[in-house]
Amino acid sequence: GLSGIQQLVDDYPVDTIAKRFRYDAALVSALMDMEEDILEGLKSQNLDDYFKGPFTVVIKESCDGMGDVSEKHGCGPAVPEKAVRFSFTLMSISVTHENSSIRIFEENKPNSELCCKPLCLMLADESDHETLTAILSPLVAEREAMKDSVLTLDMAGIPRIFKFIFRGTGYDEKLVREVEGLEASGSTYICTLCDATRLK
């Protein structure tokens, strides 16, 4: 399911097939949850805790079918038997200090459900190109807009600047072909657990 959603499936209109959060709002929520980790990371690298940034955040995106969910949603309206989930993971956070990049946070278990943030849940078959494109297109547009912008967050009373790098390393192979605009997972990156490239 999606964290923060209180309603049961029964409470939604019968024709509801997707639930998603705004990408920027989800990133803000995820970063604010990590405030202590970020401040601790600054201290561990002997950086001032009032450092304003910019902080460079590497995001791993994942999109995969969840299989047959017809038995998982309980009693309620008839829904498509397949579901697809789009999620992201904060892989690392680094800062530039004295012309060198310093990593202040790195996710130790990048494939864990605990650090995977669901962004969109769709009741659709992963091979349904039209439905996936219609639902994910606004999400992809939000992601593209954030590539060229910065986010200012008030953290510990100080406005801090965040920039984002998106890695599409968690896409299912079929979804890479089906969903336009998503990076191919098999071309540049070695695995779905990190952002290491073949060149490295």
N, C-alpha and C. Protein backbone atom coordinates (compact mmCIF):
# COMPACT_ATOMS: atom_id res chain seq x y z
N GLY A 1 0.82 -1.20 0.00
CA GLY A 1 0.00 0.00 0.00
C GLY A 1 0.85 1.24 0.00
N LEU A 2 0.22 2.39 0.15
CA LEU A 2 0.90 3.67 0.18
C LEU A 2 0.83 4.24 1.59
N SER A 3 1.95 4.66 2.11
CA SER A 3 1.98 5.20 3.47
C SER A 3 1.17 6.48 3.54
N GLY A 4 0.47 6.66 4.63
CA GLY A 4 -0.28 7.90 4.82
C GLY A 4 -1.70 7.85 4.31
N ILE A 5 -2.09 6.80 3.64
CA ILE A 5 -3.46 6.70 3.13
C ILE A 5 -4.32 5.98 4.16
N GLN A 6 -5.38 6.64 4.59
CA GLN A 6 -6.21 6.10 5.66
C GLN A 6 -7.39 5.28 5.15
N GLN A 7 -7.86 5.62 3.92
CA GLN A 7 -9.07 4.97 3.45
C GLN A 7 -8.84 3.51 3.07
N LEU A 8 -9.90 2.74 3.16
CA LEU A 8 -9.89 1.37 2.65
C LEU A 8 -10.18 1.42 1.16
N VAL A 9 -9.92 0.31 0.48
CA VAL A 9 -10.25 0.25 -0.94
C VAL A 9 -11.72 0.54 -1.15
N ASP A 10 -12.57 0.06 -0.22
CA ASP A 10 -14.02 0.25 -0.35
C ASP A 10 -14.41 1.73 -0.37
N ASP A 11 -13.59 2.60 0.22
CA ASP A 11 -13.95 4.01 0.35
C ASP A 11 -13.71 4.81 -0.93
N TYR A 12 -12.98 4.23 -1.89
CA TYR A 12 -12.69 4.94 -3.13
C TYR A 12 -13.77 4.66 -4.17
N PRO A 13 -13.98 5.59 -5.11
CA PRO A 13 -14.91 5.30 -6.20
C PRO A 13 -14.50 4.02 -6.93
N VAL A 14 -15.49 3.33 -7.47
CA VAL A 14 -15.22 2.05 -8.12
C VAL A 14 -14.23 2.20 -9.28
N ASP A 15 -14.26 3.38 -9.96
CA ASP A 15 -13.41 3.55 -11.14
C ASP A 15 -12.01 4.08 -10.80
N THR A 16 -11.66 4.16 -9.51
CA THR A 16 -10.30 4.57 -9.13
C THR A 16 -9.32 3.45 -9.45
N ILE A 17 -8.32 3.75 -10.32
CA ILE A 17 -7.35 2.71 -10.66
C ILE A 17 -5.93 3.12 -10.26
N ALA A 18 -5.75 4.33 -9.74
CA ALA A 18 -4.39 4.74 -9.36
C ALA A 18 -4.45 5.73 -8.21
N LYS A 19 -3.42 5.69 -7.38
CA LYS A 19 -3.25 6.67 -6.31
C LYS A 19 -1.79 7.09 -6.33
N ARG A 20 -1.54 8.39 -6.41
CA ARG A 20 -0.15 8.82 -6.45
C ARG A 20 0.03 10.12 -5.69
N PHE A 21 1.28 10.35 -5.28
CA PHE A 21 1.65 11.59 -4.63
C PHE A 21 2.38 12.48 -5.63
N ARG A 22 2.38 13.79 -5.38
CA ARG A 22 3.21 14.68 -6.18
C ARG A 22 4.67 14.36 -5.89
N TYR A 23 5.47 14.30 -6.94
CA TYR A 23 6.87 13.88 -6.79
C TYR A 23 7.64 14.81 -5.85
N ASP A 24 7.48 16.12 -6.05
CA ASP A 24 8.24 17.06 -5.21
C ASP A 24 7.81 16.98 -3.75
N ALA A 25 6.51 16.82 -3.52
CA ALA A 25 6.02 16.71 -2.14
C ALA A 25 6.54 15.44 -1.48
N ALA A 26 6.61 14.35 -2.25
CA ALA A 26 7.13 13.09 -1.71
C ALA A 26 8.61 13.21 -1.36
N LEU A 27 9.38 13.92 -2.20
CA LEU A 27 10.81 14.10 -1.93
C LEU A 27 11.02 14.98 -0.69
N VAL A 28 10.20 16.02 -0.55
CA VAL A 28 10.29 16.87 0.64
C VAL A 28 10.04 16.05 1.89
N SER A 29 8.99 15.23 1.86
CA SER A 29 8.66 14.40 3.02
C SER A 29 9.80 13.43 3.35
N ALA A 30 10.37 12.81 2.31
CA ALA A 30 11.45 11.85 2.53
C ALA A 30 12.69 12.53 3.11
N LEU A 31 13.01 13.72 2.60
CA LEU A 31 14.19 14.44 3.09
C LEU A 31 14.00 14.93 4.52
N MET A 32 12.79 15.41 4.83
CA MET A 32 12.54 15.88 6.20
C MET A 32 12.62 14.72 7.20
N ASP A 33 12.22 13.53 6.76
CA ASP A 33 12.36 12.35 7.62
C ASP A 33 13.82 12.03 7.90
N MET A 34 14.70 12.50 7.00
CA MET A 34 16.13 12.19 7.12
C MET A 34 16.93 13.33 7.71
N GLU A 35 16.25 14.30 8.30
CA GLU A 35 16.94 15.49 8.82
C GLU A 35 18.08 15.11 9.77
N GLU A 36 17.81 14.21 10.71
CA GLU A 36 18.85 13.81 11.67
C GLU A 36 20.04 13.14 10.97
N ASP A 37 19.75 12.29 9.99
CA ASP A 37 20.83 11.61 9.26
C ASP A 37 21.71 12.61 8.52
N ILE A 38 21.07 13.62 7.94
CA ILE A 38 21.82 14.64 7.19
C ILE A 38 22.71 15.45 8.12
N LEU A 39 22.15 15.89 9.24
CA LEU A 39 22.94 16.67 10.20
C LEU A 39 24.07 15.84 10.80
N GLU A 40 23.78 14.57 11.10
CA GLU A 40 24.82 13.68 11.62
C GLU A 40 25.92 13.47 10.58
N GLY A 41 25.51 13.35 9.30
CA GLY A 41 26.47 13.17 8.23
C GLY A 41 27.41 14.36 8.09
N LEU A 42 26.86 15.56 8.26
CA LEU A 42 27.69 16.77 8.21
C LEU A 42 28.71 16.76 9.34
N LYS A 43 28.25 16.41 10.54
CA LYS A 43 29.15 16.39 11.70
C LYS A 43 30.25 15.33 11.53
N SER A 44 29.87 14.16 11.01
CA SER A 44 30.84 13.08 10.86
C SER A 44 31.93 13.42 9.86
N GLN A 45 31.62 14.34 8.94
CA GLN A 45 32.63 14.76 7.95
C GLN A 45 33.29 16.08 8.36
N ASN A 46 33.07 16.47 9.62
CA ASN A 46 33.66 17.70 10.16
C ASN A 46 33.23 18.94 9.38
N LEU A 47 31.97 18.93 8.95
CA LEU A 47 31.41 20.09 8.27
C LEU A 47 30.46 20.81 9.23
N ASP A 48 30.32 22.12 9.04
CA ASP A 48 29.44 22.90 9.91
C ASP A 48 28.00 22.44 9.74
N ASP A 49 27.27 22.31 10.86
CA ASP A 49 25.89 21.87 10.75
C ASP A 49 24.97 22.95 10.20
N TYR A 50 25.52 24.17 9.99
CA TYR A 50 24.71 25.20 9.34
C TYR A 50 25.05 25.31 7.84
N PHE A 51 25.74 24.31 7.31
CA PHE A 51 26.08 24.26 5.88
C PHE A 51 24.79 24.30 5.05
N LYS A 52 24.73 25.22 4.09
CA LYS A 52 23.49 25.43 3.33
C LYS A 52 23.42 24.61 2.04
N GLY A 53 24.53 24.06 1.62
CA GLY A 53 24.50 23.25 0.40
C GLY A 53 25.21 23.93 -0.75
N PRO A 54 24.93 23.50 -1.97
CA PRO A 54 23.86 22.56 -2.33
C PRO A 54 24.19 21.11 -1.97
N PHE A 55 23.13 20.39 -1.59
CA PHE A 55 23.22 18.95 -1.33
C PHE A 55 22.78 18.24 -2.61
N THR A 56 23.57 17.31 -3.09
CA THR A 56 23.22 16.54 -4.29
C THR A 56 22.66 15.19 -3.86
N VAL A 57 21.41 14.95 -4.23
CA VAL A 57 20.71 13.73 -3.82
C VAL A 57 20.55 12.81 -5.03
N VAL A 58 21.02 11.57 -4.90
CA VAL A 58 20.85 10.59 -5.97
C VAL A 58 19.63 9.73 -5.65
N ILE A 59 18.70 9.71 -6.61
CA ILE A 59 17.44 8.99 -6.44
C ILE A 59 17.43 7.77 -7.35
N LYS A 60 17.12 6.61 -6.78
CA LYS A 60 16.91 5.42 -7.61
C LYS A 60 15.41 5.22 -7.78
N GLU A 61 14.96 5.20 -9.03
CA GLU A 61 13.55 4.97 -9.31
C GLU A 61 13.32 3.50 -9.63
N SER A 62 12.18 3.00 -9.19
CA SER A 62 11.82 1.61 -9.47
C SER A 62 10.37 1.56 -9.94
N CYS A 63 10.12 0.70 -10.89
CA CYS A 63 8.75 0.50 -11.35
C CYS A 63 8.62 -0.96 -11.75
N ASP A 64 7.71 -1.65 -11.10
CA ASP A 64 7.61 -3.08 -11.35
C ASP A 64 6.19 -3.56 -11.08
N GLY A 65 5.81 -4.61 -11.77
CA GLY A 65 4.51 -5.21 -11.53
C GLY A 65 4.50 -5.93 -10.19
N MET A 66 3.36 -5.89 -9.52
CA MET A 66 3.24 -6.54 -8.21
C MET A 66 2.54 -7.89 -8.32
N GLY A 67 2.27 -8.31 -9.55
CA GLY A 67 1.64 -9.62 -9.72
C GLY A 67 0.14 -9.58 -9.48
N ASP A 68 -0.42 -10.73 -9.23
CA ASP A 68 -1.86 -10.88 -9.03
C ASP A 68 -2.25 -10.37 -7.65
N VAL A 69 -3.09 -9.33 -7.62
CA VAL A 69 -3.52 -8.76 -6.34
C VAL A 69 -5.00 -9.00 -6.08
N SER A 70 -5.60 -9.84 -6.88
CA SER A 70 -7.05 -10.04 -6.74
C SER A 70 -7.43 -10.57 -5.37
N GLU A 71 -6.51 -11.28 -4.71
CA GLU A 71 -6.79 -11.82 -3.38
C GLU A 71 -6.24 -10.94 -2.27
N LYS A 72 -5.61 -9.81 -2.63
CA LYS A 72 -4.90 -9.03 -1.63
C LYS A 72 -5.66 -7.79 -1.16
N HIS A 73 -6.70 -7.38 -1.88
CA HIS A 73 -7.34 -6.12 -1.54
C HIS A 73 -8.56 -6.29 -0.65
N GLY A 74 -8.86 -7.50 -0.24
CA GLY A 74 -9.98 -7.70 0.68
C GLY A 74 -11.31 -7.61 -0.03
N CYS A 75 -12.37 -7.41 0.75
CA CYS A 75 -13.69 -7.31 0.14
C CYS A 75 -13.87 -5.90 -0.39
N GLY A 76 -14.50 -5.78 -1.52
CA GLY A 76 -14.68 -4.46 -2.12
C GLY A 76 -15.04 -4.60 -3.58
N PRO A 77 -14.98 -3.50 -4.30
CA PRO A 77 -15.36 -3.54 -5.72
C PRO A 77 -14.39 -4.40 -6.52
N ALA A 78 -14.87 -4.93 -7.63
CA ALA A 78 -14.01 -5.70 -8.51
C ALA A 78 -12.94 -4.79 -9.10
N VAL A 79 -11.70 -5.20 -9.01
CA VAL A 79 -10.59 -4.39 -9.54
C VAL A 79 -9.77 -5.26 -10.48
N PRO A 80 -8.99 -4.62 -11.37
CA PRO A 80 -8.10 -5.42 -12.22
C PRO A 80 -7.21 -6.31 -11.36
N GLU A 81 -6.85 -7.45 -11.89
CA GLU A 81 -6.12 -8.43 -11.08
C GLU A 81 -4.65 -8.12 -10.94
N LYS A 82 -4.14 -7.17 -11.72
CA LYS A 82 -2.72 -6.86 -11.68
C LYS A 82 -2.51 -5.45 -11.12
N ALA A 83 -1.37 -5.25 -10.48
CA ALA A 83 -1.02 -3.92 -9.96
C ALA A 83 0.42 -3.61 -10.32
N VAL A 84 0.70 -2.31 -10.46
CA VAL A 84 2.05 -1.83 -10.76
C VAL A 84 2.40 -0.75 -9.75
N ARG A 85 3.61 -0.79 -9.23
CA ARG A 85 4.04 0.21 -8.25
C ARG A 85 5.26 0.97 -8.77
N PHE A 86 5.19 2.29 -8.64
CA PHE A 86 6.34 3.15 -8.96
C PHE A 86 6.84 3.73 -7.64
N SER A 87 8.13 3.57 -7.36
CA SER A 87 8.67 4.02 -6.09
C SER A 87 10.06 4.60 -6.28
N PHE A 88 10.58 5.22 -5.23
CA PHE A 88 11.94 5.76 -5.30
C PHE A 88 12.68 5.49 -3.99
N THR A 89 14.00 5.50 -4.07
CA THR A 89 14.86 5.31 -2.91
C THR A 89 15.93 6.39 -2.91
N LEU A 90 16.16 7.02 -1.75
CA LEU A 90 17.25 7.99 -1.63
C LEU A 90 18.55 7.20 -1.46
N MET A 91 19.35 7.16 -2.51
CA MET A 91 20.55 6.33 -2.50
C MET A 91 21.71 6.99 -1.76
N SER A 92 21.94 8.27 -2.03
CA SER A 92 23.07 8.96 -1.40
C SER A 92 22.84 10.45 -1.40
N ILE A 93 23.51 11.14 -0.47
CA ILE A 93 23.48 12.60 -0.41
C ILE A 93 24.93 13.06 -0.25
N SER A 94 25.35 13.98 -1.10
CA SER A 94 26.72 14.47 -1.03
C SER A 94 26.75 15.99 -1.14
N VAL A 95 27.85 16.58 -0.70
CA VAL A 95 28.03 18.03 -0.78
C VAL A 95 29.41 18.30 -1.38
N THR A 96 29.55 19.48 -1.96
CA THR A 96 30.84 19.90 -2.49
C THR A 96 31.49 20.84 -1.49
N HIS A 97 32.69 20.50 -1.07
CA HIS A 97 33.40 21.32 -0.09
C HIS A 97 34.87 21.39 -0.49
N GLU A 98 35.35 22.60 -0.66
CA GLU A 98 36.74 22.83 -1.06
C GLU A 98 37.08 22.02 -2.31
N ASN A 99 36.21 22.14 -3.31
CA ASN A 99 36.40 21.53 -4.64
C ASN A 99 36.41 19.99 -4.63
N SER A 100 35.91 19.39 -3.58
CA SER A 100 35.82 17.93 -3.56
C SER A 100 34.42 17.52 -3.11
N SER A 101 33.96 16.38 -3.63
CA SER A 101 32.63 15.88 -3.29
C SER A 101 32.72 14.99 -2.05
N ILE A 102 31.91 15.31 -1.05
CA ILE A 102 31.92 14.56 0.21
C ILE A 102 30.55 13.92 0.42
N ARG A 103 30.52 12.61 0.56
CA ARG A 103 29.25 11.90 0.76
C ARG A 103 28.91 11.91 2.24
N ILE A 104 27.73 12.44 2.56
CA ILE A 104 27.33 12.51 3.97
C ILE A 104 26.26 11.46 4.31
N PHE A 105 25.71 10.82 3.28
CA PHE A 105 24.73 9.75 3.53
C PHE A 105 24.78 8.76 2.38
N GLU A 106 24.69 7.48 2.73
CA GLU A 106 24.59 6.43 1.71
C GLU A 106 23.68 5.34 2.25
N GLU A 107 22.71 4.94 1.45
CA GLU A 107 21.76 3.91 1.87
C GLU A 107 22.46 2.55 1.90
N ASN A 108 22.46 1.92 3.07
CA ASN A 108 23.16 0.64 3.23
C ASN A 108 22.40 -0.54 2.64
N LYS A 109 21.07 -0.42 2.62
CA LYS A 109 20.25 -1.52 2.10
C LYS A 109 19.31 -0.97 1.02
N PRO A 110 19.87 -0.68 -0.16
CA PRO A 110 19.09 0.02 -1.19
C PRO A 110 17.92 -0.78 -1.74
N ASN A 111 17.90 -2.08 -1.51
CA ASN A 111 16.80 -2.89 -2.04
C ASN A 111 15.78 -3.25 -0.97
N SER A 112 15.90 -2.64 0.20
CA SER A 112 15.00 -2.94 1.30
C SER A 112 13.67 -2.20 1.15
N GLU A 113 12.59 -2.85 1.55
CA GLU A 113 11.28 -2.20 1.53
C GLU A 113 11.24 -1.02 2.49
N LEU A 114 12.09 -1.03 3.50
CA LEU A 114 12.06 0.02 4.52
C LEU A 114 12.48 1.38 3.97
N CYS A 115 13.35 1.39 2.96
CA CYS A 115 13.82 2.67 2.42
C CYS A 115 13.18 2.98 1.07
N CYS A 116 12.33 2.08 0.60
CA CYS A 116 11.66 2.27 -0.69
C CYS A 116 10.39 3.09 -0.48
N LYS A 117 10.31 4.25 -1.13
CA LYS A 117 9.17 5.15 -0.93
C LYS A 117 8.17 5.01 -2.08
N PRO A 118 7.00 4.42 -1.83
CA PRO A 118 6.01 4.30 -2.90
C PRO A 118 5.52 5.67 -3.35
N LEU A 119 5.47 5.88 -4.66
CA LEU A 119 5.04 7.15 -5.21
C LEU A 119 3.71 7.02 -5.93
N CYS A 120 3.50 5.87 -6.55
CA CYS A 120 2.27 5.66 -7.32
C CYS A 120 1.92 4.18 -7.31
N LEU A 121 0.68 3.89 -7.05
CA LEU A 121 0.19 2.52 -7.09
C LEU A 121 -0.94 2.45 -8.10
N MET A 122 -0.81 1.58 -9.09
CA MET A 122 -1.78 1.50 -10.17
C MET A 122 -2.39 0.11 -10.23
N LEU A 123 -3.70 0.05 -10.37
CA LEU A 123 -4.36 -1.23 -10.62
C LEU A 123 -4.43 -1.40 -12.13
N ALA A 124 -3.37 -1.97 -12.67
CA ALA A 124 -3.27 -2.13 -14.12
C ALA A 124 -2.27 -3.24 -14.41
N ASP A 125 -2.36 -3.78 -15.61
CA ASP A 125 -1.40 -4.78 -16.04
C ASP A 125 -0.16 -4.06 -16.55
N GLU A 126 1.03 -4.56 -16.20
CA GLU A 126 2.25 -3.88 -16.60
C GLU A 126 2.46 -3.89 -18.11
N SER A 127 1.71 -4.72 -18.84
CA SER A 127 1.82 -4.73 -20.30
C SER A 127 0.81 -3.79 -20.96
N ASP A 128 -0.01 -3.12 -20.14
CA ASP A 128 -1.01 -2.18 -20.66
C ASP A 128 -0.34 -0.83 -20.90
N HIS A 129 0.22 -0.68 -22.08
CA HIS A 129 1.03 0.50 -22.40
C HIS A 129 0.25 1.80 -22.26
N GLU A 130 -0.98 1.82 -22.78
CA GLU A 130 -1.76 3.06 -22.78
C GLU A 130 -2.07 3.53 -21.36
N THR A 131 -2.49 2.61 -20.51
CA THR A 131 -2.83 2.98 -19.13
C THR A 131 -1.61 3.46 -18.37
N LEU A 132 -0.50 2.73 -18.48
CA LEU A 132 0.72 3.12 -17.77
C LEU A 132 1.21 4.48 -18.23
N THR A 133 1.18 4.71 -19.53
CA THR A 133 1.64 6.00 -20.06
C THR A 133 0.76 7.13 -19.56
N ALA A 134 -0.55 6.93 -19.56
CA ALA A 134 -1.47 7.97 -19.11
C ALA A 134 -1.26 8.30 -17.64
N ILE A 135 -1.04 7.29 -16.82
CA ILE A 135 -0.89 7.52 -15.38
C ILE A 135 0.49 8.07 -15.03
N LEU A 136 1.54 7.55 -15.69
CA LEU A 136 2.90 7.93 -15.32
C LEU A 136 3.42 9.18 -16.03
N SER A 137 2.77 9.60 -17.11
CA SER A 137 3.26 10.78 -17.84
C SER A 137 3.39 12.02 -16.96
N PRO A 138 2.38 12.37 -16.14
CA PRO A 138 2.55 13.54 -15.26
C PRO A 138 3.70 13.36 -14.27
N LEU A 139 3.87 12.15 -13.78
CA LEU A 139 4.95 11.87 -12.83
C LEU A 139 6.31 12.06 -13.51
N VAL A 140 6.44 11.56 -14.74
CA VAL A 140 7.69 11.71 -15.49
C VAL A 140 7.95 13.19 -15.78
N ALA A 141 6.88 13.94 -16.09
CA ALA A 141 7.04 15.38 -16.36
C ALA A 141 7.53 16.11 -15.11
N GLU A 142 7.01 15.74 -13.95
CA GLU A 142 7.47 16.34 -12.69
C GLU A 142 8.94 16.03 -12.46
N ARG A 143 9.34 14.79 -12.74
CA ARG A 143 10.73 14.38 -12.58
C ARG A 143 11.65 15.17 -13.50
N GLU A 144 11.23 15.34 -14.76
CA GLU A 144 12.05 16.08 -15.73
C GLU A 144 12.21 17.53 -15.30
N ALA A 145 11.15 18.13 -14.75
CA ALA A 145 11.23 19.52 -14.30
C ALA A 145 12.20 19.67 -13.13
N MET A 146 12.25 18.68 -12.27
CA MET A 146 13.13 18.76 -11.09
C MET A 146 14.59 18.55 -11.44
N LYS A 147 14.87 17.98 -12.61
CA LYS A 147 16.26 17.79 -13.02
C LYS A 147 16.98 19.12 -13.19
N ASP A 148 16.22 20.15 -13.58
CA ASP A 148 16.83 21.45 -13.88
C ASP A 148 16.53 22.49 -12.81
N SER A 149 16.05 22.08 -11.66
CA SER A 149 15.71 23.04 -10.62
C SER A 149 16.31 22.61 -9.29
N VAL A 150 16.22 23.50 -8.32
CA VAL A 150 16.71 23.18 -6.97
C VAL A 150 15.55 23.30 -5.99
N LEU A 151 15.68 22.61 -4.89
CA LEU A 151 14.67 22.64 -3.83
C LEU A 151 15.28 23.26 -2.59
N THR A 152 14.62 24.25 -2.03
CA THR A 152 15.08 24.87 -0.79
C THR A 152 14.21 24.39 0.36
N LEU A 153 14.84 23.75 1.34
CA LEU A 153 14.13 23.21 2.50
C LEU A 153 14.65 23.84 3.78
N ASP A 154 13.74 24.20 4.67
CA ASP A 154 14.13 24.69 5.98
C ASP A 154 14.41 23.49 6.88
N MET A 155 15.68 23.28 7.19
CA MET A 155 16.08 22.13 7.98
C MET A 155 16.90 22.60 9.18
N ALA A 156 16.42 22.33 10.38
CA ALA A 156 17.06 22.79 11.62
C ALA A 156 17.18 24.31 11.62
N GLY A 157 16.14 24.97 11.09
CA GLY A 157 16.09 26.43 11.11
C GLY A 157 16.94 27.12 10.06
N ILE A 158 17.53 26.36 9.16
CA ILE A 158 18.40 26.94 8.13
C ILE A 158 17.91 26.50 6.76
N PRO A 159 17.71 27.46 5.82
CA PRO A 159 17.31 27.07 4.46
C PRO A 159 18.46 26.36 3.75
N ARG A 160 18.20 25.16 3.28
CA ARG A 160 19.25 24.37 2.61
C ARG A 160 18.80 24.02 1.19
N ILE A 161 19.76 23.98 0.29
CA ILE A 161 19.48 23.79 -1.13
C ILE A 161 19.78 22.35 -1.54
N PHE A 162 18.82 21.73 -2.22
CA PHE A 162 18.98 20.34 -2.68
C PHE A 162 18.83 20.26 -4.19
N LYS A 163 19.71 19.49 -4.81
CA LYS A 163 19.62 19.18 -6.24
C LYS A 163 19.46 17.67 -6.37
N PHE A 164 18.80 17.25 -7.45
CA PHE A 164 18.48 15.83 -7.59
C PHE A 164 19.05 15.23 -8.87
N ILE A 165 19.58 14.02 -8.73
CA ILE A 165 20.01 13.21 -9.87
C ILE A 165 19.17 11.94 -9.85
N PHE A 166 18.50 11.66 -10.96
CA PHE A 166 17.60 10.50 -11.01
C PHE A 166 18.23 9.36 -11.80
N ARG A 167 18.17 8.17 -11.22
CA ARG A 167 18.68 6.97 -11.87
C ARG A 167 17.54 5.97 -12.04
N GLY A 168 17.32 5.55 -13.27
CA GLY A 168 16.24 4.59 -13.53
C GLY A 168 16.73 3.17 -13.49
N THR A 169 17.36 2.79 -12.39
CA THR A 169 18.00 1.47 -12.35
C THR A 169 17.10 0.37 -11.81
N GLY A 170 15.90 0.73 -11.37
CA GLY A 170 15.04 -0.28 -10.78
C GLY A 170 13.85 -0.66 -11.63
N TYR A 171 13.90 -0.29 -12.93
CA TYR A 171 12.76 -0.60 -13.78
C TYR A 171 12.77 -2.05 -14.23
N ASP A 172 11.62 -2.66 -14.20
CA ASP A 172 11.46 -3.99 -14.76
C ASP A 172 11.75 -3.93 -16.26
N GLU A 173 12.37 -4.97 -16.81
CA GLU A 173 12.78 -4.95 -18.21
C GLU A 173 11.62 -4.70 -19.16
N LYS A 174 10.45 -5.29 -18.87
CA LYS A 174 9.30 -5.09 -19.73
C LYS A 174 8.81 -3.65 -19.66
N LEU A 175 8.89 -3.05 -18.47
CA LEU A 175 8.42 -1.68 -18.32
C LEU A 175 9.35 -0.69 -19.00
N VAL A 176 10.62 -1.04 -19.11
CA VAL A 176 11.55 -0.17 -19.83
C VAL A 176 11.08 0.01 -21.26
N ARG A 177 10.62 -1.07 -21.86
CA ARG A 177 10.15 -1.00 -23.24
C ARG A 177 8.78 -0.34 -23.32
N GLU A 178 7.95 -0.54 -22.31
CA GLU A 178 6.57 -0.09 -22.38
C GLU A 178 6.40 1.40 -22.06
N VAL A 179 7.11 1.88 -21.05
CA VAL A 179 6.89 3.24 -20.57
C VAL A 179 7.89 4.19 -21.21
N GLU A 180 7.41 5.14 -21.97
CA GLU A 180 8.28 6.06 -22.68
C GLU A 180 8.93 7.04 -21.72
N GLY A 181 10.18 7.40 -22.01
CA GLY A 181 10.86 8.41 -21.22
C GLY A 181 11.61 7.86 -20.03
N LEU A 182 11.53 6.58 -19.76
CA LEU A 182 12.24 6.00 -18.63
C LEU A 182 13.56 5.41 -19.12
N GLU A 183 14.63 5.58 -18.34
CA GLU A 183 15.93 5.08 -18.74
C GLU A 183 15.94 3.56 -18.78
N ALA A 184 16.63 3.00 -19.76
CA ALA A 184 16.75 1.55 -19.85
C ALA A 184 17.65 1.03 -18.74
N SER A 185 17.18 -0.01 -18.07
CA SER A 185 17.94 -0.49 -16.91
C SER A 185 19.12 -1.36 -17.31
N GLY A 186 19.11 -1.89 -18.54
CA GLY A 186 20.17 -2.81 -18.91
C GLY A 186 21.30 -2.20 -19.72
N SER A 187 21.23 -0.90 -19.99
CA SER A 187 22.20 -0.33 -20.91
C SER A 187 23.43 0.23 -20.22
N THR A 188 23.24 1.09 -19.23
CA THR A 188 24.36 1.79 -18.60
C THR A 188 24.72 1.21 -17.25
N TYR A 189 23.72 0.81 -16.50
CA TYR A 189 23.96 0.43 -15.12
C TYR A 189 24.15 -1.07 -14.95
N ILE A 190 24.90 -1.44 -13.94
CA ILE A 190 25.27 -2.84 -13.73
C ILE A 190 24.13 -3.62 -13.08
N CYS A 191 23.48 -3.04 -12.09
CA CYS A 191 22.44 -3.78 -11.38
C CYS A 191 21.36 -2.83 -10.91
N THR A 192 20.32 -3.39 -10.30
CA THR A 192 19.21 -2.57 -9.83
C THR A 192 19.41 -2.07 -8.41
N LEU A 193 20.51 -2.42 -7.78
CA LEU A 193 20.71 -2.07 -6.37
C LEU A 193 21.46 -0.75 -6.18
N CYS A 194 22.17 -0.30 -7.19
CA CYS A 194 22.96 0.92 -7.01
C CYS A 194 23.05 1.68 -8.32
N ASP A 195 23.78 2.79 -8.34
CA ASP A 195 23.91 3.58 -9.56
C ASP A 195 25.28 3.42 -10.20
N ALA A 196 25.98 2.31 -9.89
CA ALA A 196 27.29 2.05 -10.50
C ALA A 196 27.11 1.77 -11.99
N THR A 197 27.99 2.35 -12.80
CA THR A 197 27.91 2.16 -14.24
C THR A 197 28.98 1.18 -14.71
N ARG A 198 28.83 0.72 -15.94
CA ARG A 198 29.80 -0.21 -16.49
C ARG A 198 31.17 0.45 -16.63
N LEU A 199 31.17 1.77 -16.84
CA LEU A 199 32.43 2.48 -16.99
C LEU A 199 33.24 2.43 -15.70
N LYS A 200 32.55 2.46 -14.54
CA LYS A 200 33.24 2.40 -13.26
C LYS A 200 33.87 1.03 -13.04
